[in-house]
Amino acid sequence: MTEPDLSALRERAAHGDADASSELIDLATERGDLNELRHLADAGSADATDELIQLAAEQGNLEELRRLSDSGNATATDQLTELATEQDNMDELRRLADRGNITAAEQLEELTAE
């Protein structure tokens, strides 16, 4: 897709065209474009948010998952906990546990007991 075509698609999506938004989400997901997904998610697209979480988890992007988690997204928090556990990231698990995340606290306890 050319840049002018992409710009036109973004314009249509910005004006509420659901098909354009869906196509942008698909394109951004295929390209691994976190910025495009973030923009769409911040504009209120739940589908873009879901794809952003999945892509960030696949890429091991703790920062993006943390941003979404800190804004109250429970799915992002779950993915962040899972990724931090896989990476043995005690600091992140501790941060989540300190914020009241029971799963992170349990994972932290398991990892420190090993």
Protein backbone atom coordinates (compact mmCIF):
# COMPACT_ATOMS: atom_id res chain seq x y z
CA MET A 1 0.00 0.00 0.00
CA THR A 2 1.35 3.39 -0.96
CA GLU A 3 1.72 6.19 1.56
CA PRO A 4 -1.07 8.26 -0.06
CA ASP A 5 -3.39 5.22 0.11
CA LEU A 6 -2.47 4.71 3.75
CA SER A 7 -3.09 8.39 4.51
CA ALA A 8 -6.51 8.19 2.85
CA LEU A 9 -7.31 5.09 4.88
CA ARG A 10 -6.28 6.84 8.09
CA GLU A 11 -8.46 9.82 7.18
CA ARG A 12 -11.47 7.57 6.60
CA ALA A 13 -10.84 5.78 9.89
CA ALA A 14 -10.54 9.09 11.72
CA HIS A 15 -13.99 10.02 10.41
CA GLY A 16 -15.59 6.88 11.78
CA ASP A 17 -15.33 4.47 8.86
CA ALA A 18 -15.32 1.09 10.64
CA ASP A 19 -14.11 -0.77 7.56
CA ALA A 20 -11.15 1.58 7.21
CA SER A 21 -10.31 1.16 10.90
CA SER A 22 -10.48 -2.59 10.56
CA GLU A 23 -8.22 -2.53 7.52
CA LEU A 24 -5.73 -0.26 9.31
CA ILE A 25 -5.67 -2.62 12.29
CA ASP A 26 -5.02 -5.59 10.01
CA LEU A 27 -2.25 -3.77 8.14
CA ALA A 28 -0.62 -2.55 11.34
CA THR A 29 -0.74 -6.03 12.84
CA GLU A 30 0.80 -7.59 9.73
CA ARG A 31 3.58 -4.98 9.75
CA GLY A 32 4.13 -5.21 13.51
CA ASP A 33 3.45 -1.47 13.73
CA LEU A 34 2.93 -0.72 17.42
CA ASN A 35 2.68 3.02 16.75
CA GLU A 36 -0.26 2.64 14.37
CA LEU A 37 -2.02 0.25 16.72
CA ARG A 38 -1.35 2.56 19.67
CA HIS A 39 -2.85 5.50 17.78
CA LEU A 40 -5.98 3.50 16.91
CA ALA A 41 -6.26 2.12 20.43
CA ASP A 42 -5.88 5.59 21.93
CA ALA A 43 -8.68 6.72 19.61
CA GLY A 44 -10.93 4.15 21.27
CA SER A 45 -10.64 1.01 19.15
CA ALA A 46 -10.98 -2.05 21.37
CA ASP A 47 -9.86 -4.25 18.47
CA ALA A 48 -6.68 -2.21 18.08
CA THR A 49 -6.07 -2.45 21.82
CA ASP A 50 -6.42 -6.23 21.71
CA GLU A 51 -4.01 -6.49 18.77
CA LEU A 52 -1.60 -4.08 20.45
CA ILE A 53 -1.52 -6.21 23.59
CA GLN A 54 -0.99 -9.40 21.62
CA LEU A 55 1.74 -7.89 19.45
CA ALA A 56 3.51 -6.29 22.41
CA ALA A 57 3.48 -9.63 24.23
CA GLU A 58 4.83 -11.44 21.15
CA GLN A 59 7.60 -8.86 20.82
CA GLY A 60 8.42 -9.00 24.53
CA ASN A 61 7.65 -5.29 24.84
CA LEU A 62 7.34 -4.79 28.60
CA GLU A 63 7.15 -1.02 28.24
CA GLU A 64 4.04 -1.10 26.05
CA LEU A 65 2.35 -3.71 28.22
CA ARG A 66 3.23 -1.68 31.31
CA ARG A 67 1.73 1.48 29.75
CA LEU A 68 -1.52 -0.34 28.98
CA SER A 69 -1.58 -2.10 32.32
CA ASP A 70 -0.99 1.13 34.20
CA SER A 71 -3.95 2.66 32.37
CA GLY A 72 -6.16 -0.11 33.78
CA ASN A 73 -6.22 -2.74 31.05
CA ALA A 74 -6.56 -6.09 32.80
CA THR A 75 -5.58 -8.12 29.73
CA ALA A 76 -2.36 -6.14 29.43
CA THR A 77 -1.70 -6.75 33.12
CA ASP A 78 -2.16 -10.49 32.63
CA GLN A 79 0.19 -10.48 29.64
CA LEU A 80 2.72 -8.35 31.51
CA THR A 81 2.67 -10.74 34.46
CA GLU A 82 3.11 -13.70 32.15
CA LEU A 83 5.97 -12.09 30.24
CA ALA A 84 7.72 -10.91 33.40
CA THR A 85 7.47 -14.44 34.78
CA GLU A 86 8.92 -15.95 31.58
CA GLN A 87 11.79 -13.46 31.75
CA ASP A 88 12.35 -13.96 35.50
CA ASN A 89 11.87 -10.20 35.82
CA MET A 90 11.60 -9.88 39.59
CA ASP A 91 11.48 -6.09 39.52
CA GLU A 92 8.41 -6.03 37.29
CA LEU A 93 6.70 -8.77 39.26
CA ARG A 94 7.46 -6.92 42.47
CA ARG A 95 6.06 -3.68 41.00
CA LEU A 96 2.86 -5.46 39.97
CA ALA A 97 2.59 -7.23 43.32
CA ASP A 98 3.05 -3.92 45.14
CA ARG A 99 0.10 -2.61 43.12
CA GLY A 100 -2.04 -5.46 44.42
CA ASN A 101 -1.72 -8.01 41.62
CA ILE A 102 -2.12 -11.37 43.34
CA THR A 103 -0.92 -13.42 40.36
CA ALA A 104 2.31 -11.41 40.20
CA ALA A 105 2.78 -11.86 43.95
CA GLU A 106 2.31 -15.63 43.59
CA GLN A 107 4.73 -15.80 40.65
CA LEU A 108 7.26 -13.74 42.55
CA GLU A 109 6.97 -16.07 45.52
CA GLU A 110 7.45 -19.13 43.30
CA LEU A 111 10.47 -17.66 41.53
CA THR A 112 12.18 -16.57 44.75
CA ALA A 113 11.57 -20.00 46.33
CA GLU A 114 13.46 -21.76 43.52
